[in-house]
Amino acid sequence: MMKMFGALFVTFVCATLMGCGSHEHKYVIGISQCSLTDWRYQLKDELVLASYFNEDVEIRMAFADDDDVQQSNQIDSLLNTGLDLLIVSPNQVKGLSGSMKRAQDMKVPVILYDRKMNDVEFTAFMGADNYAIGNMMGEFAAAQLKGKGNIAEIGGLKGSSLG
């Protein structure tokens, strides 16, 4: 599933950037990951692999170790290198407003994925509605238990979005 997501993600991004015409410009995509968990490490590998199939695309990545200040600094550094597109999985719903404003001022399109942010302009969002998914899973578990037993909910990172 992850391999398919990574390949589809890069295909979507490349198609969005390049349209149908031929280009001599190398498109630079900056990717800011909030952390480097197993899931995100696999996504990194898939994005790099998918980029090998298109020589017009260069991917630059940064990983923020769940630190908003570090992620903001990394996004600023990516923007300073000259980007055609910025893809961000924010650590929390707040904390990157300054970097996102700089991207907007520089007219760099921003795709948020996996997590949303408050009060931030972005071009597109790719992700799931984790609240709806959790609700469906809770209803399924309750139906399986037929009114007996207990259900516990495990929350994610405090301050991150629900999708």
C-alpha atoms as a PDB file:
ATOM      1  CA  MET A   1       0.000   0.000   0.000  1.00  0.00           C
ATOM      2  CA  MET A   2       2.778   2.447   0.907  1.00  0.00           C
ATOM      3  CA  LYS A   3       4.675   1.749  -2.326  1.00  0.00           C
ATOM      4  CA  MET A   4       1.563   2.511  -4.291  1.00  0.00           C
ATOM      5  CA  PHE A   5       0.967   5.721  -2.295  1.00  0.00           C
ATOM      6  CA  GLY A   6       4.521   6.973  -2.836  1.00  0.00           C
ATOM      7  CA  ALA A   7       4.442   6.280  -6.567  1.00  0.00           C
ATOM      8  CA  LEU A   8       0.979   7.797  -6.948  1.00  0.00           C
ATOM      9  CA  PHE A   9       2.008  10.817  -4.893  1.00  0.00           C
ATOM     10  CA  VAL A  10       5.055  11.596  -7.047  1.00  0.00           C
ATOM     11  CA  THR A  11       3.070  10.892 -10.232  1.00  0.00           C
ATOM     12  CA  PHE A  12       0.392  13.346  -9.080  1.00  0.00           C
ATOM     13  CA  VAL A  13       2.972  15.975  -8.224  1.00  0.00           C
ATOM     14  CA  CYS A  14       4.871  15.547 -11.496  1.00  0.00           C
ATOM     15  CA  ALA A  15       1.684  15.713 -13.541  1.00  0.00           C
ATOM     16  CA  THR A  16       0.604  18.816 -11.660  1.00  0.00           C
ATOM     17  CA  LEU A  17       3.925  20.556 -12.245  1.00  0.00           C
ATOM     18  CA  MET A  18       4.552  19.579 -15.829  1.00  0.00           C
ATOM     19  CA  GLY A  19       1.165  19.291 -17.484  1.00  0.00           C
ATOM     20  CA  CYS A  20       1.326  17.779 -20.934  1.00  0.00           C
ATOM     21  CA  GLY A  21       4.103  19.777 -22.605  1.00  0.00           C
ATOM     22  CA  SER A  22       7.794  19.088 -22.781  1.00  0.00           C
ATOM     23  CA  HIS A  23      10.060  21.026 -20.426  1.00  0.00           C
ATOM     24  CA  GLU A  24      13.752  21.625 -20.089  1.00  0.00           C
ATOM     25  CA  HIS A  25      13.362  22.994 -16.560  1.00  0.00           C
ATOM     26  CA  LYS A  26      14.241  20.699 -13.667  1.00  0.00           C
ATOM     27  CA  TYR A  27      11.422  20.918 -11.126  1.00  0.00           C
ATOM     28  CA  VAL A  28      12.603  21.102  -7.536  1.00  0.00           C
ATOM     29  CA  ILE A  29      10.255  19.706  -4.906  1.00  0.00           C
ATOM     30  CA  GLY A  30      10.983  20.385  -1.242  1.00  0.00           C
ATOM     31  CA  ILE A  31       9.489  17.923   1.212  1.00  0.00           C
ATOM     32  CA  SER A  32       9.292  18.706   4.914  1.00  0.00           C
ATOM     33  CA  GLN A  33       8.528  15.703   7.098  1.00  0.00           C
ATOM     34  CA  CYS A  34       7.629  16.271  10.731  1.00  0.00           C
ATOM     35  CA  SER A  35       9.491  13.119  11.783  1.00  0.00           C
ATOM     36  CA  LEU A  36      11.210  10.009  10.464  1.00  0.00           C
ATOM     37  CA  THR A  37       9.079   7.108  11.684  1.00  0.00           C
ATOM     38  CA  ASP A  38       8.970   3.785   9.839  1.00  0.00           C
ATOM     39  CA  TRP A  39       5.968   4.954   7.804  1.00  0.00           C
ATOM     40  CA  ARG A  40       7.642   8.226   6.817  1.00  0.00           C
ATOM     41  CA  TYR A  41      10.965   6.512   6.105  1.00  0.00           C
ATOM     42  CA  GLN A  42       9.185   4.153   3.700  1.00  0.00           C
ATOM     43  CA  LEU A  43       7.427   7.106   2.057  1.00  0.00           C
ATOM     44  CA  LYS A  44      10.811   8.852   1.677  1.00  0.00           C
ATOM     45  CA  ASP A  45      12.227   5.799  -0.078  1.00  0.00           C
ATOM     46  CA  GLU A  46       9.211   5.563  -2.375  1.00  0.00           C
ATOM     47  CA  LEU A  47       9.340   9.244  -3.299  1.00  0.00           C
ATOM     48  CA  VAL A  48      13.042   9.023  -4.118  1.00  0.00           C
ATOM     49  CA  LEU A  49      12.479   5.841  -6.143  1.00  0.00           C
ATOM     50  CA  ALA A  50       9.578   7.386  -8.061  1.00  0.00           C
ATOM     51  CA  SER A  51      11.665  10.487  -8.826  1.00  0.00           C
ATOM     52  CA  TYR A  52      14.241   8.298 -10.603  1.00  0.00           C
ATOM     53  CA  PHE A  53      11.683   7.706 -13.349  1.00  0.00           C
ATOM     54  CA  ASN A  54      11.556  11.399 -14.199  1.00  0.00           C
ATOM     55  CA  GLU A  55      14.830  13.220 -14.725  1.00  0.00           C
ATOM     56  CA  ASP A  56      12.990  16.569 -14.722  1.00  0.00           C
ATOM     57  CA  VAL A  57      12.304  16.257 -10.983  1.00  0.00           C
ATOM     58  CA  GLU A  58      14.677  16.796  -8.071  1.00  0.00           C
ATOM     59  CA  ILE A  59      13.498  16.036  -4.540  1.00  0.00           C
ATOM     60  CA  ARG A  60      14.971  17.719  -1.454  1.00  0.00           C
ATOM     61  CA  MET A  61      13.860  16.411   1.945  1.00  0.00           C
ATOM     62  CA  ALA A  62      14.108  17.477   5.542  1.00  0.00           C
ATOM     63  CA  PHE A  63      13.008  15.697   8.726  1.00  0.00           C
ATOM     64  CA  ALA A  64      12.197  17.741  11.833  1.00  0.00           C
ATOM     65  CA  ASP A  65      12.224  15.171  14.662  1.00  0.00           C
ATOM     66  CA  ASP A  66       8.786  16.374  15.885  1.00  0.00           C
ATOM     67  CA  ASP A  67      10.177  19.868  16.545  1.00  0.00           C
ATOM     68  CA  ASP A  68       8.130  22.824  15.223  1.00  0.00           C
ATOM     69  CA  VAL A  69      11.030  25.294  15.376  1.00  0.00           C
ATOM     70  CA  GLN A  70      13.350  22.898  13.557  1.00  0.00           C
ATOM     71  CA  GLN A  71      10.690  22.202  10.913  1.00  0.00           C
ATOM     72  CA  SER A  72      10.097  25.921  10.361  1.00  0.00           C
ATOM     73  CA  ASN A  73      13.849  26.514   9.972  1.00  0.00           C
ATOM     74  CA  GLN A  74      14.150  23.593   7.564  1.00  0.00           C
ATOM     75  CA  ILE A  75      11.246  24.878   5.447  1.00  0.00           C
ATOM     76  CA  ASP A  76      12.896  28.305   5.296  1.00  0.00           C
ATOM     77  CA  SER A  77      16.156  26.643   4.189  1.00  0.00           C
ATOM     78  CA  LEU A  78      14.334  24.643   1.510  1.00  0.00           C
ATOM     79  CA  LEU A  79      12.591  27.797   0.269  1.00  0.00           C
ATOM     80  CA  ASN A  80      15.933  29.621   0.110  1.00  0.00           C
ATOM     81  CA  THR A  81      17.315  26.962  -2.275  1.00  0.00           C
ATOM     82  CA  GLY A  82      14.592  27.749  -4.815  1.00  0.00           C
ATOM     83  CA  LEU A  83      11.583  25.441  -5.013  1.00  0.00           C
ATOM     84  CA  ASP A  84       8.858  24.880  -7.553  1.00  0.00           C
ATOM     85  CA  LEU A  85       6.708  23.071  -4.996  1.00  0.00           C
ATOM     86  CA  LEU A  86       6.736  22.591  -1.224  1.00  0.00           C
ATOM     87  CA  ILE A  87       5.152  19.503   0.325  1.00  0.00           C
ATOM     88  CA  VAL A  88       4.699  19.598   4.100  1.00  0.00           C
ATOM     89  CA  SER A  89       3.537  17.119   6.705  1.00  0.00           C
ATOM     90  CA  PRO A  90       3.293  19.522   9.648  1.00  0.00           C
ATOM     91  CA  ASN A  91       4.206  18.439  13.138  1.00  0.00           C
ATOM     92  CA  GLN A  92       1.295  20.324  14.693  1.00  0.00           C
ATOM     93  CA  VAL A  93      -1.607  22.506  13.577  1.00  0.00           C
ATOM     94  CA  LYS A  94       0.288  25.643  14.644  1.00  0.00           C
ATOM     95  CA  GLY A  95       3.925  26.625  14.505  1.00  0.00           C
ATOM     96  CA  LEU A  96       4.713  26.932  10.801  1.00  0.00           C
ATOM     97  CA  SER A  97       2.683  30.031   9.952  1.00  0.00           C
ATOM     98  CA  GLY A  98       5.757  32.178   9.257  1.00  0.00           C
ATOM     99  CA  SER A  99       7.298  29.616   6.901  1.00  0.00           C
ATOM    100  CA  MET A 100       4.004  29.039   5.123  1.00  0.00           C
ATOM    101  CA  LYS A 101       3.571  32.810   4.693  1.00  0.00           C
ATOM    102  CA  ARG A 102       7.069  33.023   3.170  1.00  0.00           C
ATOM    103  CA  ALA A 103       6.180  30.225   0.720  1.00  0.00           C
ATOM    104  CA  GLN A 104       3.012  32.098  -0.200  1.00  0.00           C
ATOM    105  CA  ASP A 105       4.938  35.371  -0.656  1.00  0.00           C
ATOM    106  CA  MET A 106       7.416  33.523  -2.891  1.00  0.00           C
ATOM    107  CA  LYS A 107       4.494  32.097  -4.899  1.00  0.00           C
ATOM    108  CA  VAL A 108       5.593  28.527  -4.130  1.00  0.00           C
ATOM    109  CA  PRO A 109       2.592  26.166  -4.173  1.00  0.00           C
ATOM    110  CA  VAL A 110       2.197  24.191  -0.935  1.00  0.00           C
ATOM    111  CA  ILE A 111       0.685  20.743  -0.588  1.00  0.00           C
ATOM    112  CA  LEU A 112      -0.090  19.658   2.953  1.00  0.00           C
ATOM    113  CA  TYR A 113      -0.305  15.919   3.454  1.00  0.00           C
ATOM    114  CA  ASP A 114      -1.269  13.658   6.284  1.00  0.00           C
ATOM    115  CA  ARG A 115      -1.954  16.570   8.653  1.00  0.00           C
ATOM    116  CA  LYS A 116      -3.656  19.937   8.263  1.00  0.00           C
ATOM    117  CA  MET A 117      -2.763  23.282   9.781  1.00  0.00           C
ATOM    118  CA  ASN A 118      -4.800  26.158  11.208  1.00  0.00           C
ATOM    119  CA  ASP A 119      -4.758  29.631   9.660  1.00  0.00           C
ATOM    120  CA  VAL A 120      -2.385  28.704   6.843  1.00  0.00           C
ATOM    121  CA  GLU A 121      -2.859  29.161   3.113  1.00  0.00           C
ATOM    122  CA  PHE A 122      -2.101  26.039   1.071  1.00  0.00           C
ATOM    123  CA  THR A 123      -2.695  24.867  -2.469  1.00  0.00           C
ATOM    124  CA  ALA A 124      -3.924  21.332  -1.779  1.00  0.00           C
ATOM    125  CA  PHE A 125      -4.322  18.752   0.985  1.00  0.00           C
ATOM    126  CA  MET A 126      -3.801  15.015   0.626  1.00  0.00           C
ATOM    127  CA  GLY A 127      -4.813  12.905   3.585  1.00  0.00           C
ATOM    128  CA  ALA A 128      -7.471  11.065   5.450  1.00  0.00           C
ATOM    129  CA  ASP A 129     -10.091  12.252   7.908  1.00  0.00           C
ATOM    130  CA  ASN A 130      -8.689  10.505  10.977  1.00  0.00           C
ATOM    131  CA  TYR A 131     -11.639  11.586  13.109  1.00  0.00           C
ATOM    132  CA  ALA A 132     -14.117   9.892  10.749  1.00  0.00           C
ATOM    133  CA  ILE A 133     -11.913   6.789  10.509  1.00  0.00           C
ATOM    134  CA  GLY A 134     -11.654   6.565  14.313  1.00  0.00           C
ATOM    135  CA  ASN A 135     -15.412   6.998  14.641  1.00  0.00           C
ATOM    136  CA  MET A 136     -16.056   4.174  12.159  1.00  0.00           C
ATOM    137  CA  MET A 137     -13.595   1.907  13.968  1.00  0.00           C
ATOM    138  CA  GLY A 138     -15.248   2.672  17.313  1.00  0.00           C
ATOM    139  CA  GLU A 139     -18.677   1.850  15.898  1.00  0.00           C
ATOM    140  CA  PHE A 140     -17.330  -1.388  14.419  1.00  0.00           C
ATOM    141  CA  ALA A 141     -15.685  -2.407  17.712  1.00  0.00           C
ATOM    142  CA  ALA A 142     -18.859  -1.594  19.668  1.00  0.00           C
ATOM    143  CA  ALA A 143     -20.930  -3.688  17.275  1.00  0.00           C
ATOM    144  CA  GLN A 144     -18.518  -6.613  17.629  1.00  0.00           C
ATOM    145  CA  LEU A 145     -18.663  -6.389  21.430  1.00  0.00           C
ATOM    146  CA  LYS A 146     -22.496  -6.249  21.385  1.00  0.00           C
ATOM    147  CA  GLY A 147     -22.681  -3.840  24.319  1.00  0.00           C
ATOM    148  CA  LYS A 148     -20.154  -5.725  26.476  1.00  0.00           C
ATOM    149  CA  GLY A 149     -16.530  -4.998  27.242  1.00  0.00           C
ATOM    150  CA  ASN A 150     -14.501  -1.805  27.153  1.00  0.00           C
ATOM    151  CA  ILE A 151     -13.027   0.265  24.354  1.00  0.00           C
ATOM    152  CA  ALA A 152      -9.969   2.470  24.836  1.00  0.00           C
ATOM    153  CA  GLU A 153      -8.884   5.239  22.512  1.00  0.00           C
ATOM    154  CA  ILE A 154      -5.217   6.030  22.011  1.00  0.00           C
ATOM    155  CA  GLY A 155      -4.594   9.586  20.874  1.00  0.00           C
ATOM    156  CA  GLY A 156      -1.839  10.859  18.641  1.00  0.00           C
ATOM    157  CA  LEU A 157       0.600  13.696  19.127  1.00  0.00           C
ATOM    158  CA  LYS A 158      -0.930  16.485  21.161  1.00  0.00           C
ATOM    159  CA  GLY A 159      -1.474  19.510  18.956  1.00  0.00           C
ATOM    160  CA  SER A 160      -1.487  17.635  15.638  1.00  0.00           C
ATOM    161  CA  SER A 161      -4.538  17.616  13.397  1.00  0.00           C
ATOM    162  CA  LEU A 162      -7.077  14.847  13.015  1.00  0.00           C
ATOM    163  CA  GLY A 163      -6.562  14.790   9.266  1.00  0.00           C
END
